[in-house]
């Protein structure tokens, strides 16, 4: 059994930082439907995920080292975002 704690946030991203040839796991606390987007720091959409898994596994392969944003928009229009880092 694995136990994760996300505190006040609806999101938990790990590992953070992530290796550029790997993937990140994203746990979403709420059970609502959502759209997950990976954005660069300028807001450009790099990945869009609509299927929902627990945990949500997203490849960061092809992303250059730097800072990125995970943005989740729930079906009721509420959004939440967190920053994660990709390293070499």
N, C-alpha and C. Protein backbone atom coordinates (compact mmCIF):
# COMPACT_ATOMS: atom_id res chain seq x y z
N UNK A 1 0.84 -1.16 0.00
CA UNK A 1 0.00 0.00 0.00
C UNK A 1 0.89 1.24 0.00
N UNK A 2 0.57 2.18 -0.87
CA UNK A 2 1.30 3.44 -0.92
C UNK A 2 0.38 4.55 -0.44
N UNK A 3 0.92 5.45 0.35
CA UNK A 3 0.15 6.56 0.88
C UNK A 3 0.84 7.85 0.45
N UNK A 4 0.07 8.77 -0.09
CA UNK A 4 0.58 10.06 -0.52
C UNK A 4 -0.19 11.15 0.21
N UNK A 5 0.49 12.24 0.50
CA UNK A 5 -0.16 13.36 1.16
C UNK A 5 0.08 14.61 0.33
N UNK A 6 -0.99 15.28 -0.05
CA UNK A 6 -0.84 16.48 -0.87
C UNK A 6 -1.17 17.76 -0.10
N UNK A 7 -1.48 17.64 1.18
CA UNK A 7 -1.77 18.84 1.97
C UNK A 7 -3.01 19.55 1.48
N UNK A 8 -2.96 20.87 1.42
CA UNK A 8 -4.09 21.69 1.00
C UNK A 8 -4.35 21.62 -0.50
N UNK A 9 -3.34 21.27 -1.25
CA UNK A 9 -3.42 21.28 -2.71
C UNK A 9 -4.22 20.09 -3.23
N UNK A 10 -4.83 20.27 -4.40
CA UNK A 10 -5.48 19.17 -5.09
C UNK A 10 -4.49 18.38 -5.94
N UNK A 11 -3.22 18.85 -6.02
CA UNK A 11 -2.21 18.21 -6.86
C UNK A 11 -0.99 17.81 -6.05
N UNK A 12 -0.40 16.71 -6.46
CA UNK A 12 0.90 16.30 -5.95
C UNK A 12 1.70 15.81 -7.15
N UNK A 13 2.85 16.44 -7.41
CA UNK A 13 3.70 16.10 -8.56
C UNK A 13 4.99 15.51 -8.04
N UNK A 14 5.35 14.33 -8.56
CA UNK A 14 6.63 13.73 -8.17
C UNK A 14 7.13 12.84 -9.29
N UNK A 15 8.43 12.64 -9.45
CA UNK A 15 9.46 13.36 -8.73
C UNK A 15 9.53 14.81 -9.21
N UNK A 16 9.98 15.65 -8.35
CA UNK A 16 10.14 17.07 -8.69
C UNK A 16 11.39 17.58 -7.98
N UNK A 17 12.49 17.72 -8.69
CA UNK A 17 12.64 17.78 -10.14
C UNK A 17 12.59 16.40 -10.81
N UNK A 18 12.26 16.42 -12.10
CA UNK A 18 12.19 15.21 -12.92
C UNK A 18 13.34 15.20 -13.91
N UNK A 19 13.76 14.01 -14.30
CA UNK A 19 14.83 13.87 -15.30
C UNK A 19 14.21 14.00 -16.69
N UNK A 20 14.90 14.69 -17.59
CA UNK A 20 14.35 15.01 -18.92
C UNK A 20 14.03 13.79 -19.77
N UNK A 21 14.52 12.62 -19.41
CA UNK A 21 14.21 11.41 -20.19
C UNK A 21 13.16 10.56 -19.50
N UNK A 22 12.56 11.08 -18.43
CA UNK A 22 11.63 10.29 -17.63
C UNK A 22 10.20 10.75 -17.71
N UNK A 23 9.53 10.63 -16.59
CA UNK A 23 8.12 10.99 -16.50
C UNK A 23 7.83 11.53 -15.11
N UNK A 24 6.70 12.21 -15.01
CA UNK A 24 6.24 12.68 -13.71
C UNK A 24 4.94 11.97 -13.38
N UNK A 25 4.69 11.81 -12.11
CA UNK A 25 3.43 11.27 -11.62
C UNK A 25 2.66 12.42 -11.00
N UNK A 26 1.39 12.50 -11.33
CA UNK A 26 0.55 13.58 -10.81
C UNK A 26 -0.64 12.95 -10.13
N UNK A 27 -0.78 13.22 -8.85
CA UNK A 27 -1.94 12.75 -8.10
C UNK A 27 -2.93 13.90 -8.00
N UNK A 28 -4.17 13.62 -8.33
CA UNK A 28 -5.23 14.61 -8.25
C UNK A 28 -6.18 14.18 -7.14
N UNK A 29 -6.32 15.03 -6.14
CA UNK A 29 -7.10 14.69 -4.96
C UNK A 29 -8.60 14.59 -5.26
N UNK A 30 -9.09 15.44 -6.12
CA UNK A 30 -10.53 15.47 -6.40
C UNK A 30 -10.91 14.38 -7.39
N UNK A 31 -12.15 13.92 -7.30
CA UNK A 31 -12.64 12.88 -8.20
C UNK A 31 -13.36 13.43 -9.42
N UNK A 32 -13.39 14.75 -9.58
CA UNK A 32 -14.05 15.36 -10.72
C UNK A 32 -13.28 15.10 -12.00
N UNK A 33 -13.98 15.16 -13.13
CA UNK A 33 -13.31 15.08 -14.43
C UNK A 33 -12.45 16.33 -14.61
N UNK A 34 -11.33 16.18 -15.32
CA UNK A 34 -10.43 17.31 -15.52
C UNK A 34 -9.67 17.18 -16.82
N UNK A 35 -9.08 18.29 -17.23
CA UNK A 35 -8.12 18.33 -18.34
C UNK A 35 -6.80 18.79 -17.74
N UNK A 36 -5.74 18.07 -18.04
CA UNK A 36 -4.42 18.37 -17.51
C UNK A 36 -3.56 18.92 -18.64
N UNK A 37 -2.89 20.03 -18.38
CA UNK A 37 -2.01 20.63 -19.39
C UNK A 37 -0.63 20.85 -18.79
N UNK A 38 0.38 20.61 -19.61
CA UNK A 38 1.75 20.96 -19.27
C UNK A 38 2.07 22.21 -20.09
N UNK A 39 2.47 23.28 -19.40
CA UNK A 39 2.76 24.56 -20.04
C UNK A 39 4.20 24.94 -19.79
N UNK A 40 4.78 25.69 -20.73
CA UNK A 40 6.08 26.29 -20.43
C UNK A 40 5.82 27.57 -19.63
N UNK A 41 6.87 28.24 -19.23
CA UNK A 41 6.70 29.41 -18.37
C UNK A 41 6.09 30.61 -19.09
N UNK A 42 5.96 30.53 -20.41
CA UNK A 42 5.29 31.59 -21.17
C UNK A 42 3.82 31.27 -21.40
N UNK A 43 3.38 30.08 -20.92
CA UNK A 43 1.98 29.69 -21.07
C UNK A 43 1.68 28.88 -22.31
N UNK A 44 2.69 28.51 -23.08
CA UNK A 44 2.48 27.70 -24.27
C UNK A 44 2.16 26.26 -23.88
N UNK A 45 1.07 25.71 -24.45
CA UNK A 45 0.69 24.33 -24.17
C UNK A 45 1.66 23.37 -24.85
N UNK A 46 2.24 22.47 -24.04
CA UNK A 46 3.18 21.49 -24.56
C UNK A 46 2.59 20.09 -24.58
N UNK A 47 1.74 19.78 -23.63
CA UNK A 47 1.06 18.49 -23.54
C UNK A 47 -0.36 18.74 -23.03
N UNK A 48 -1.31 17.96 -23.53
CA UNK A 48 -2.68 17.98 -23.03
C UNK A 48 -3.09 16.53 -22.79
N UNK A 49 -3.58 16.26 -21.58
CA UNK A 49 -4.00 14.91 -21.21
C UNK A 49 -5.46 14.98 -20.79
N UNK A 50 -6.29 14.17 -21.42
CA UNK A 50 -7.71 14.16 -21.07
C UNK A 50 -8.13 12.86 -20.38
N UNK A 51 -7.40 11.75 -20.63
CA UNK A 51 -7.75 10.53 -19.92
C UNK A 51 -7.25 10.64 -18.49
N UNK A 52 -7.95 10.00 -17.57
CA UNK A 52 -7.64 10.18 -16.17
C UNK A 52 -7.24 8.87 -15.53
N UNK A 53 -6.04 8.85 -15.00
CA UNK A 53 -5.51 7.70 -14.28
C UNK A 53 -5.10 8.15 -12.89
N UNK A 54 -4.88 7.17 -12.01
CA UNK A 54 -4.42 7.51 -10.66
C UNK A 54 -3.28 6.59 -10.29
N UNK A 55 -2.05 7.05 -10.23
CA UNK A 55 -1.64 8.42 -10.54
C UNK A 55 -1.60 8.68 -12.04
N UNK A 56 -1.69 9.93 -12.42
CA UNK A 56 -1.57 10.33 -13.82
C UNK A 56 -0.09 10.35 -14.16
N UNK A 57 0.33 9.56 -15.14
CA UNK A 57 1.74 9.49 -15.53
C UNK A 57 1.90 10.25 -16.84
N UNK A 58 2.81 11.24 -16.84
CA UNK A 58 3.02 12.08 -18.02
C UNK A 58 4.51 12.07 -18.36
N UNK A 59 4.83 11.77 -19.60
CA UNK A 59 6.22 11.78 -20.04
C UNK A 59 6.72 13.21 -20.15
N UNK A 60 7.95 13.43 -19.69
CA UNK A 60 8.60 14.72 -19.88
C UNK A 60 9.73 14.61 -20.91
N UNK A 61 9.76 13.48 -21.57
CA UNK A 61 10.76 13.27 -22.62
C UNK A 61 10.58 14.33 -23.71
N UNK A 62 11.67 14.92 -24.12
CA UNK A 62 11.62 15.96 -25.14
C UNK A 62 11.53 17.37 -24.58
N UNK A 63 11.27 17.49 -23.28
CA UNK A 63 11.26 18.82 -22.67
C UNK A 63 12.68 19.20 -22.29
N UNK A 64 13.07 20.39 -22.64
CA UNK A 64 14.41 20.86 -22.27
C UNK A 64 14.44 21.18 -20.78
N UNK A 65 15.60 21.07 -20.16
CA UNK A 65 15.68 21.40 -18.74
C UNK A 65 15.15 22.81 -18.47
N UNK A 66 14.36 22.93 -17.41
CA UNK A 66 13.80 24.22 -17.05
C UNK A 66 12.58 24.06 -16.17
N UNK A 67 11.83 25.14 -16.04
CA UNK A 67 10.63 25.17 -15.21
C UNK A 67 9.40 25.03 -16.10
N UNK A 68 8.42 24.27 -15.61
CA UNK A 68 7.17 24.03 -16.34
C UNK A 68 6.01 24.10 -15.36
N UNK A 69 4.81 24.21 -15.91
CA UNK A 69 3.60 24.33 -15.10
C UNK A 69 2.66 23.18 -15.44
N UNK A 70 2.14 22.53 -14.40
CA UNK A 70 1.04 21.59 -14.56
C UNK A 70 -0.22 22.37 -14.20
N UNK A 71 -1.15 22.43 -15.13
CA UNK A 71 -2.42 23.13 -14.89
C UNK A 71 -3.55 22.13 -15.07
N UNK A 72 -4.38 22.01 -14.05
CA UNK A 72 -5.54 21.13 -14.12
C UNK A 72 -6.78 21.99 -14.04
N UNK A 73 -7.69 21.78 -15.00
CA UNK A 73 -8.97 22.48 -15.00
C UNK A 73 -10.06 21.43 -14.82
N UNK A 74 -10.80 21.57 -13.74
CA UNK A 74 -11.87 20.63 -13.44
C UNK A 74 -13.12 20.98 -14.23
N UNK A 75 -14.05 20.03 -14.31
CA UNK A 75 -15.25 20.21 -15.14
C UNK A 75 -16.10 21.40 -14.71
N UNK A 76 -15.97 21.84 -13.46
CA UNK A 76 -16.74 22.99 -13.00
C UNK A 76 -16.04 24.32 -13.29
N UNK A 77 -14.88 24.26 -14.00
CA UNK A 77 -14.16 25.47 -14.39
C UNK A 77 -13.07 25.90 -13.44
N UNK A 78 -12.98 25.29 -12.27
CA UNK A 78 -11.94 25.62 -11.30
C UNK A 78 -10.60 25.07 -11.79
N UNK A 79 -9.56 25.89 -11.72
CA UNK A 79 -8.23 25.47 -12.15
C UNK A 79 -7.26 25.53 -10.98
N UNK A 80 -6.25 24.69 -11.07
CA UNK A 80 -5.16 24.72 -10.10
C UNK A 80 -3.87 24.44 -10.86
N UNK A 81 -2.80 25.08 -10.44
CA UNK A 81 -1.52 24.93 -11.14
C UNK A 81 -0.38 24.78 -10.14
N UNK A 82 0.65 24.05 -10.57
CA UNK A 82 1.87 23.92 -9.79
C UNK A 82 3.05 23.90 -10.75
N UNK A 83 4.17 24.37 -10.26
CA UNK A 83 5.41 24.39 -11.04
C UNK A 83 6.20 23.12 -10.75
N UNK A 84 6.84 22.58 -11.81
CA UNK A 84 7.78 21.49 -11.63
C UNK A 84 9.01 21.77 -12.46
N UNK A 85 10.08 21.08 -12.14
CA UNK A 85 11.37 21.31 -12.78
C UNK A 85 11.80 20.07 -13.54
N UNK A 86 12.36 20.29 -14.74
CA UNK A 86 12.97 19.20 -15.52
C UNK A 86 14.47 19.46 -15.53
N UNK A 87 15.25 18.42 -15.18
CA UNK A 87 16.70 18.51 -15.20
C UNK A 87 17.26 17.56 -16.26
N UNK A 88 18.55 17.67 -16.51
CA UNK A 88 19.17 16.79 -17.51
C UNK A 88 19.33 15.40 -16.98
